[in-house]
Amino acid sequence: MEDEPRTDEPYFLTVPETARLLRINRGRAYEMANDGTLPGVVRLGRTIRVDRNRLIDGLGEDQKSSPVPDQKRRRS
């Protein structure tokens, strides 16, 4: 099935693993997890994990709902 991860991919990622996947720094990933802007965050006491499928789905939904910024034209 498409919705199931490959056997070598974990369902839940650590914040540093998530940061590497998104190619952002670890500190920014923790900020996003704490302020609620990182999709798929699951808290187990003080432990933070990120549900891989919810992360990917949430980022896809964010792209659909975000307006495309106006790009300034370059002057010739």
PDB file of N, CA and C in Angstrom:
ATOM      1  N   MET A   1       0.832  -1.192   0.000  1.00  0.00           N
ATOM      2  CA  MET A   1       0.000   0.000   0.000  1.00  0.00           C
ATOM      3  C   MET A   1       0.870   1.246   0.000  1.00  0.00           C
ATOM      4  N   GLU A   2       0.371   2.310  -0.576  1.00  0.00           N
ATOM      5  CA  GLU A   2       1.107   3.563  -0.652  1.00  0.00           C
ATOM      6  C   GLU A   2       1.243   4.249   0.700  1.00  0.00           C
ATOM      7  N   ASP A   3       0.227   4.141   1.561  1.00  0.00           N
ATOM      8  CA  ASP A   3       0.226   4.853   2.828  1.00  0.00           C
ATOM      9  C   ASP A   3       1.180   4.265   3.853  1.00  0.00           C
ATOM     10  N   GLU A   4       1.629   3.049   3.642  1.00  0.00           N
ATOM     11  CA  GLU A   4       2.512   2.420   4.601  1.00  0.00           C
ATOM     12  C   GLU A   4       3.962   2.739   4.251  1.00  0.00           C
ATOM     13  N   PRO A   5       4.766   3.116   5.265  1.00  0.00           N
ATOM     14  CA  PRO A   5       6.172   3.408   4.977  1.00  0.00           C
ATOM     15  C   PRO A   5       6.920   2.135   4.628  1.00  0.00           C
ATOM     16  N   ARG A   6       8.044   2.285   3.969  1.00  0.00           N
ATOM     17  CA  ARG A   6       8.883   1.133   3.696  1.00  0.00           C
ATOM     18  C   ARG A   6       9.336   0.564   5.025  1.00  0.00           C
ATOM     19  N   THR A   7       9.745  -0.680   5.034  1.00  0.00           N
ATOM     20  CA  THR A   7      10.115  -1.327   6.286  1.00  0.00           C
ATOM     21  C   THR A   7      11.332  -0.682   6.944  1.00  0.00           C
ATOM     22  N   ASP A   8      12.188  -0.010   6.168  1.00  0.00           N
ATOM     23  CA  ASP A   8      13.373   0.605   6.762  1.00  0.00           C
ATOM     24  C   ASP A   8      13.121   2.038   7.228  1.00  0.00           C
ATOM     25  N   GLU A   9      11.902   2.544   7.062  1.00  0.00           N
ATOM     26  CA  GLU A   9      11.564   3.893   7.503  1.00  0.00           C
ATOM     27  C   GLU A   9      10.692   3.817   8.752  1.00  0.00           C
ATOM     28  N   PRO A  10      11.102   4.503   9.834  1.00  0.00           N
ATOM     29  CA  PRO A  10      10.287   4.464  11.054  1.00  0.00           C
ATOM     30  C   PRO A  10       9.006   5.278  10.897  1.00  0.00           C
ATOM     31  N   TYR A  11       7.969   4.879  11.623  1.00  0.00           N
ATOM     32  CA  TYR A  11       6.721   5.646  11.638  1.00  0.00           C
ATOM     33  C   TYR A  11       6.923   6.986  12.330  1.00  0.00           C
ATOM     34  N   PHE A  12       7.715   6.983  13.409  1.00  0.00           N
ATOM     35  CA  PHE A  12       7.930   8.188  14.197  1.00  0.00           C
ATOM     36  C   PHE A  12       9.388   8.605  14.104  1.00  0.00           C
ATOM     37  N   LEU A  13       9.594   9.899  13.895  1.00  0.00           N
ATOM     38  CA  LEU A  13      10.930  10.460  13.773  1.00  0.00           C
ATOM     39  C   LEU A  13      11.264  11.274  15.012  1.00  0.00           C
ATOM     40  N   THR A  14      12.531  11.373  15.326  1.00  0.00           N
ATOM     41  CA  THR A  14      12.969  12.313  16.346  1.00  0.00           C
ATOM     42  C   THR A  14      12.983  13.694  15.705  1.00  0.00           C
ATOM     43  N   VAL A  15      13.105  14.723  16.512  1.00  0.00           N
ATOM     44  CA  VAL A  15      13.158  16.079  15.960  1.00  0.00           C
ATOM     45  C   VAL A  15      14.408  16.263  15.092  1.00  0.00           C
ATOM     46  N   PRO A  16      15.593  15.791  15.511  1.00  0.00           N
ATOM     47  CA  PRO A  16      16.754  15.915  14.624  1.00  0.00           C
ATOM     48  C   PRO A  16      16.576  15.171  13.290  1.00  0.00           C
ATOM     49  N   GLU A  17      15.946  13.997  13.310  1.00  0.00           N
ATOM     50  CA  GLU A  17      15.673  13.277  12.059  1.00  0.00           C
ATOM     51  C   GLU A  17      14.720  14.078  11.170  1.00  0.00           C
ATOM     52  N   THR A  18      13.721  14.688  11.792  1.00  0.00           N
ATOM     53  CA  THR A  18      12.769  15.518  11.062  1.00  0.00           C
ATOM     54  C   THR A  18      13.474  16.710  10.439  1.00  0.00           C
ATOM     55  N   ALA A  19      14.374  17.336  11.204  1.00  0.00           N
ATOM     56  CA  ALA A  19      15.129  18.486  10.698  1.00  0.00           C
ATOM     57  C   ALA A  19      15.950  18.091   9.472  1.00  0.00           C
ATOM     58  N   ARG A  20      16.600  16.937   9.533  1.00  0.00           N
ATOM     59  CA  ARG A  20      17.390  16.480   8.382  1.00  0.00           C
ATOM     60  C   ARG A  20      16.493  16.221   7.178  1.00  0.00           C
ATOM     61  N   LEU A  21      15.337  15.607   7.414  1.00  0.00           N
ATOM     62  CA  LEU A  21      14.396  15.326   6.325  1.00  0.00           C
ATOM     63  C   LEU A  21      13.930  16.613   5.653  1.00  0.00           C
ATOM     64  N   LEU A  22      13.655  17.636   6.464  1.00  0.00           N
ATOM     65  CA  LEU A  22      13.159  18.912   5.938  1.00  0.00           C
ATOM     66  C   LEU A  22      14.282  19.862   5.527  1.00  0.00           C
ATOM     67  N   ARG A  23      15.516  19.473   5.837  1.00  0.00           N
ATOM     68  CA  ARG A  23      16.696  20.292   5.528  1.00  0.00           C
ATOM     69  C   ARG A  23      16.621  21.666   6.197  1.00  0.00           C
ATOM     70  N   ILE A  24      16.267  21.620   7.481  1.00  0.00           N
ATOM     71  CA  ILE A  24      16.283  22.820   8.313  1.00  0.00           C
ATOM     72  C   ILE A  24      17.164  22.508   9.517  1.00  0.00           C
ATOM     73  N   ASN A  25      17.571  23.557  10.244  1.00  0.00           N
ATOM     74  CA  ASN A  25      18.432  23.246  11.386  1.00  0.00           C
ATOM     75  C   ASN A  25      17.593  22.712  12.550  1.00  0.00           C
ATOM     76  N   ARG A  26      18.276  21.998  13.410  1.00  0.00           N
ATOM     77  CA  ARG A  26      17.616  21.312  14.516  1.00  0.00           C
ATOM     78  C   ARG A  26      16.886  22.277  15.444  1.00  0.00           C
ATOM     79  N   GLY A  27      17.492  23.422  15.720  1.00  0.00           N
ATOM     80  CA  GLY A  27      16.868  24.417  16.591  1.00  0.00           C
ATOM     81  C   GLY A  27      15.548  24.911  16.026  1.00  0.00           C
ATOM     82  N   ARG A  28      15.521  25.145  14.726  1.00  0.00           N
ATOM     83  CA  ARG A  28      14.282  25.596  14.081  1.00  0.00           C
ATOM     84  C   ARG A  28      13.217  24.506  14.153  1.00  0.00           C
ATOM     85  N   ALA A  29      13.604  23.259  13.984  1.00  0.00           N
ATOM     86  CA  ALA A  29      12.645  22.153  14.074  1.00  0.00           C
ATOM     87  C   ALA A  29      12.038  22.071  15.476  1.00  0.00           C
ATOM     88  N   TYR A  30      12.869  22.265  16.518  1.00  0.00           N
ATOM     89  CA  TYR A  30      12.351  22.281  17.887  1.00  0.00           C
ATOM     90  C   TYR A  30      11.414  23.461  18.098  1.00  0.00           C
ATOM     91  N   GLU A  31      11.760  24.628  17.568  1.00  0.00           N
ATOM     92  CA  GLU A  31      10.877  25.799  17.682  1.00  0.00           C
ATOM     93  C   GLU A  31       9.520  25.503  17.057  1.00  0.00           C
ATOM     94  N   MET A  32       9.540  24.924  15.863  1.00  0.00           N
ATOM     95  CA  MET A  32       8.293  24.607  15.162  1.00  0.00           C
ATOM     96  C   MET A  32       7.476  23.568  15.926  1.00  0.00           C
ATOM     97  N   ALA A  33       8.149  22.579  16.517  1.00  0.00           N
ATOM     98  CA  ALA A  33       7.450  21.562  17.306  1.00  0.00           C
ATOM     99  C   ALA A  33       6.783  22.198  18.516  1.00  0.00           C
ATOM    100  N   ASN A  34       7.483  23.135  19.147  1.00  0.00           N
ATOM    101  CA  ASN A  34       6.955  23.773  20.358  1.00  0.00           C
ATOM    102  C   ASN A  34       5.877  24.810  20.076  1.00  0.00           C
ATOM    103  N   ASP A  35       5.950  25.493  18.932  1.00  0.00           N
ATOM    104  CA  ASP A  35       4.925  26.514  18.655  1.00  0.00           C
ATOM    105  C   ASP A  35       3.746  25.978  17.840  1.00  0.00           C
ATOM    106  N   GLY A  36       3.761  24.690  17.536  1.00  0.00           N
ATOM    107  CA  GLY A  36       2.618  24.072  16.867  1.00  0.00           C
ATOM    108  C   GLY A  36       2.598  24.189  15.354  1.00  0.00           C
ATOM    109  N   THR A  37       3.677  24.640  14.739  1.00  0.00           N
ATOM    110  CA  THR A  37       3.686  24.782  13.282  1.00  0.00           C
ATOM    111  C   THR A  37       4.278  23.577  12.564  1.00  0.00           C
ATOM    112  N   LEU A  38       4.758  22.607  13.304  1.00  0.00           N
ATOM    113  CA  LEU A  38       5.290  21.385  12.704  1.00  0.00           C
ATOM    114  C   LEU A  38       4.204  20.315  12.754  1.00  0.00           C
ATOM    115  N   PRO A  39       3.708  19.870  11.603  1.00  0.00           N
ATOM    116  CA  PRO A  39       2.637  18.863  11.599  1.00  0.00           C
ATOM    117  C   PRO A  39       3.122  17.510  12.125  1.00  0.00           C
ATOM    118  N   GLY A  40       2.234  16.792  12.776  1.00  0.00           N
ATOM    119  CA  GLY A  40       2.506  15.424  13.196  1.00  0.00           C
ATOM    120  C   GLY A  40       3.234  15.260  14.506  1.00  0.00           C
ATOM    121  N   VAL A  41       3.353  16.323  15.294  1.00  0.00           N
ATOM    122  CA  VAL A  41       4.074  16.233  16.557  1.00  0.00           C
ATOM    123  C   VAL A  41       3.269  15.432  17.577  1.00  0.00           C
ATOM    124  N   VAL A  42       3.953  14.492  18.224  1.00  0.00           N
ATOM    125  CA  VAL A  42       3.365  13.665  19.274  1.00  0.00           C
ATOM    126  C   VAL A  42       4.256  13.817  20.491  1.00  0.00           C
ATOM    127  N   ARG A  43       3.644  14.157  21.615  1.00  0.00           N
ATOM    128  CA  ARG A  43       4.410  14.320  22.857  1.00  0.00           C
ATOM    129  C   ARG A  43       4.127  13.140  23.778  1.00  0.00           C
ATOM    130  N   LEU A  44       5.212  12.568  24.282  1.00  0.00           N
ATOM    131  CA  LEU A  44       5.144  11.476  25.253  1.00  0.00           C
ATOM    132  C   LEU A  44       5.926  11.946  26.467  1.00  0.00           C
ATOM    133  N   GLY A  45       5.251  12.634  27.366  1.00  0.00           N
ATOM    134  CA  GLY A  45       5.950  13.274  28.475  1.00  0.00           C
ATOM    135  C   GLY A  45       6.793  14.405  27.914  1.00  0.00           C
ATOM    136  N   ARG A  46       8.100  14.369  28.185  1.00  0.00           N
ATOM    137  CA  ARG A  46       9.007  15.382  27.638  1.00  0.00           C
ATOM    138  C   ARG A  46       9.575  14.987  26.280  1.00  0.00           C
ATOM    139  N   THR A  47       9.276  13.772  25.841  1.00  0.00           N
ATOM    140  CA  THR A  47       9.788  13.275  24.567  1.00  0.00           C
ATOM    141  C   THR A  47       8.915  13.767  23.422  1.00  0.00           C
ATOM    142  N   ILE A  48       9.558  14.228  22.363  1.00  0.00           N
ATOM    143  CA  ILE A  48       8.838  14.680  21.171  1.00  0.00           C
ATOM    144  C   ILE A  48       9.162  13.727  20.030  1.00  0.00           C
ATOM    145  N   ARG A  49       8.138  13.254  19.373  1.00  0.00           N
ATOM    146  CA  ARG A  49       8.298  12.456  18.160  1.00  0.00           C
ATOM    147  C   ARG A  49       7.402  13.077  17.089  1.00  0.00           C
ATOM    148  N   VAL A  50       7.734  12.795  15.848  1.00  0.00           N
ATOM    149  CA  VAL A  50       6.967  13.337  14.731  1.00  0.00           C
ATOM    150  C   VAL A  50       6.491  12.172  13.878  1.00  0.00           C
ATOM    151  N   ASP A  51       5.177  12.081  13.709  1.00  0.00           N
ATOM    152  CA  ASP A  51       4.573  11.048  12.869  1.00  0.00           C
ATOM    153  C   ASP A  51       4.908  11.380  11.414  1.00  0.00           C
ATOM    154  N   ARG A  52       5.688  10.524  10.779  1.00  0.00           N
ATOM    155  CA  ARG A  52       6.172  10.764   9.409  1.00  0.00           C
ATOM    156  C   ARG A  52       5.021  11.018   8.432  1.00  0.00           C
ATOM    157  N   ASN A  53       3.985  10.201   8.469  1.00  0.00           N
ATOM    158  CA  ASN A  53       2.876  10.347   7.521  1.00  0.00           C
ATOM    159  C   ASN A  53       2.115  11.656   7.736  1.00  0.00           C
ATOM    160  N   ARG A  54       1.843  12.000   9.006  1.00  0.00           N
ATOM    161  CA  ARG A  54       1.137  13.258   9.299  1.00  0.00           C
ATOM    162  C   ARG A  54       1.994  14.461   8.926  1.00  0.00           C
ATOM    163  N   LEU A  55       3.307  14.346   9.108  1.00  0.00           N
ATOM    164  CA  LEU A  55       4.217  15.416   8.714  1.00  0.00           C
ATOM    165  C   LEU A  55       4.107  15.669   7.213  1.00  0.00           C
ATOM    166  N   ILE A  56       4.245  14.625   6.429  1.00  0.00           N
ATOM    167  CA  ILE A  56       4.208  14.760   4.974  1.00  0.00           C
ATOM    168  C   ILE A  56       2.845  15.248   4.510  1.00  0.00           C
ATOM    169  N   ASP A  57       1.769  14.665   5.055  1.00  0.00           N
ATOM    170  CA  ASP A  57       0.422  15.111   4.686  1.00  0.00           C
ATOM    171  C   ASP A  57       0.185  16.560   5.085  1.00  0.00           C
ATOM    172  N   GLY A  58       0.623  16.932   6.285  1.00  0.00           N
ATOM    173  CA  GLY A  58       0.428  18.287   6.785  1.00  0.00           C
ATOM    174  C   GLY A  58       1.184  19.320   5.965  1.00  0.00           C
ATOM    175  N   LEU A  59       2.394  18.977   5.554  1.00  0.00           N
ATOM    176  CA  LEU A  59       3.157  19.905   4.729  1.00  0.00           C
ATOM    177  C   LEU A  59       2.510  20.063   3.357  1.00  0.00           C
ATOM    178  N   GLY A  60       1.957  18.980   2.828  1.00  0.00           N
ATOM    179  CA  GLY A  60       1.251  19.056   1.548  1.00  0.00           C
ATOM    180  C   GLY A  60       0.021  19.928   1.641  1.00  0.00           C
ATOM    181  N   GLU A  61      -0.725  19.811   2.742  1.00  0.00           N
ATOM    182  CA  GLU A  61      -1.916  20.644   2.952  1.00  0.00           C
ATOM    183  C   GLU A  61      -1.527  22.101   3.113  1.00  0.00           C
ATOM    184  N   ASP A  62      -0.419  22.361   3.791  1.00  0.00           N
ATOM    185  CA  ASP A  62       0.043  23.729   3.987  1.00  0.00           C
ATOM    186  C   ASP A  62       0.351  24.387   2.649  1.00  0.00           C
ATOM    187  N   GLN A  63       0.934  23.629   1.739  1.00  0.00           N
ATOM    188  CA  GLN A  63       1.256  24.172   0.420  1.00  0.00           C
ATOM    189  C   GLN A  63      -0.005  24.499  -0.367  1.00  0.00           C
ATOM    190  N   LYS A  64      -1.040  23.693  -0.227  1.00  0.00           N
ATOM    191  CA  LYS A  64      -2.292  23.929  -0.944  1.00  0.00           C
ATOM    192  C   LYS A  64      -2.996  25.184  -0.453  1.00  0.00           C
ATOM    193  N   SER A  65      -2.885  25.472   0.843  1.00  0.00           N
ATOM    194  CA  SER A  65      -3.627  26.588   1.412  1.00  0.00           C
ATOM    195  C   SER A  65      -2.836  27.892   1.454  1.00  0.00           C
ATOM    196  N   SER A  66      -1.531  27.835   1.213  1.00  0.00           N
ATOM    197  CA  SER A  66      -0.712  29.048   1.274  1.00  0.00           C
ATOM    198  C   SER A  66      -0.805  29.819  -0.031  1.00  0.00           C
ATOM    199  N   PRO A  67      -1.019  31.122   0.063  1.00  0.00           N
ATOM    200  CA  PRO A  67      -1.034  31.914  -1.154  1.00  0.00           C
ATOM    201  C   PRO A  67       0.374  32.018  -1.726  1.00  0.00           C
ATOM    202  N   VAL A  68       0.455  32.077  -3.037  1.00  0.00           N
ATOM    203  CA  VAL A  68       1.742  32.225  -3.690  1.00  0.00           C
ATOM    204  C   VAL A  68       2.150  33.689  -3.593  1.00  0.00           C
ATOM    205  N   PRO A  69       3.327  33.974  -3.037  1.00  0.00           N
ATOM    206  CA  PRO A  69       3.731  35.376  -2.918  1.00  0.00           C
ATOM    207  C   PRO A  69       3.978  35.995  -4.291  1.00  0.00           C
ATOM    208  N   ASP A  70       3.671  37.283  -4.396  1.00  0.00           N
ATOM    209  CA  ASP A  70       3.932  37.985  -5.632  1.00  0.00           C
ATOM    210  C   ASP A  70       5.429  38.105  -5.821  1.00  0.00           C
ATOM    211  N   GLN A  71       5.873  37.793  -7.013  1.00  0.00           N
ATOM    212  CA  GLN A  71       7.286  37.934  -7.301  1.00  0.00           C
ATOM    213  C   GLN A  71       7.509  39.243  -8.014  1.00  0.00           C
ATOM    214  N   LYS A  72       8.488  39.983  -7.549  1.00  0.00           N
ATOM    215  CA  LYS A  72       8.789  41.254  -8.184  1.00  0.00           C
ATOM    216  C   LYS A  72       9.495  40.991  -9.507  1.00  0.00           C
ATOM    217  N   ARG A  73       9.117  41.743 -10.501  1.00  0.00           N
ATOM    218  CA  ARG A  73       9.761  41.611 -11.798  1.00  0.00           C
ATOM    219  C   ARG A  73      11.093  42.324 -11.790  1.00  0.00           C
ATOM    220  N   ARG A  74      12.031  41.731 -12.449  1.00  0.00           N
ATOM    221  CA  ARG A  74      13.344  42.366 -12.573  1.00  0.00           C
ATOM    222  C   ARG A  74      13.291  43.435 -13.638  1.00  0.00           C
ATOM    223  N   ARG A  75      13.967  44.496 -13.357  1.00  0.00           N
ATOM    224  CA  ARG A  75      14.059  45.563 -14.358  1.00  0.00           C
ATOM    225  C   ARG A  75      15.151  45.211 -15.348  1.00  0.00           C
ATOM    226  N   SER A  76      14.875  45.444 -16.584  1.00  0.00           N
ATOM    227  CA  SER A  76      15.847  45.138 -17.623  1.00  0.00           C
ATOM    228  C   SER A  76      16.872  46.226 -17.769  1.00  0.00           C
TER     229      SER A  76
END
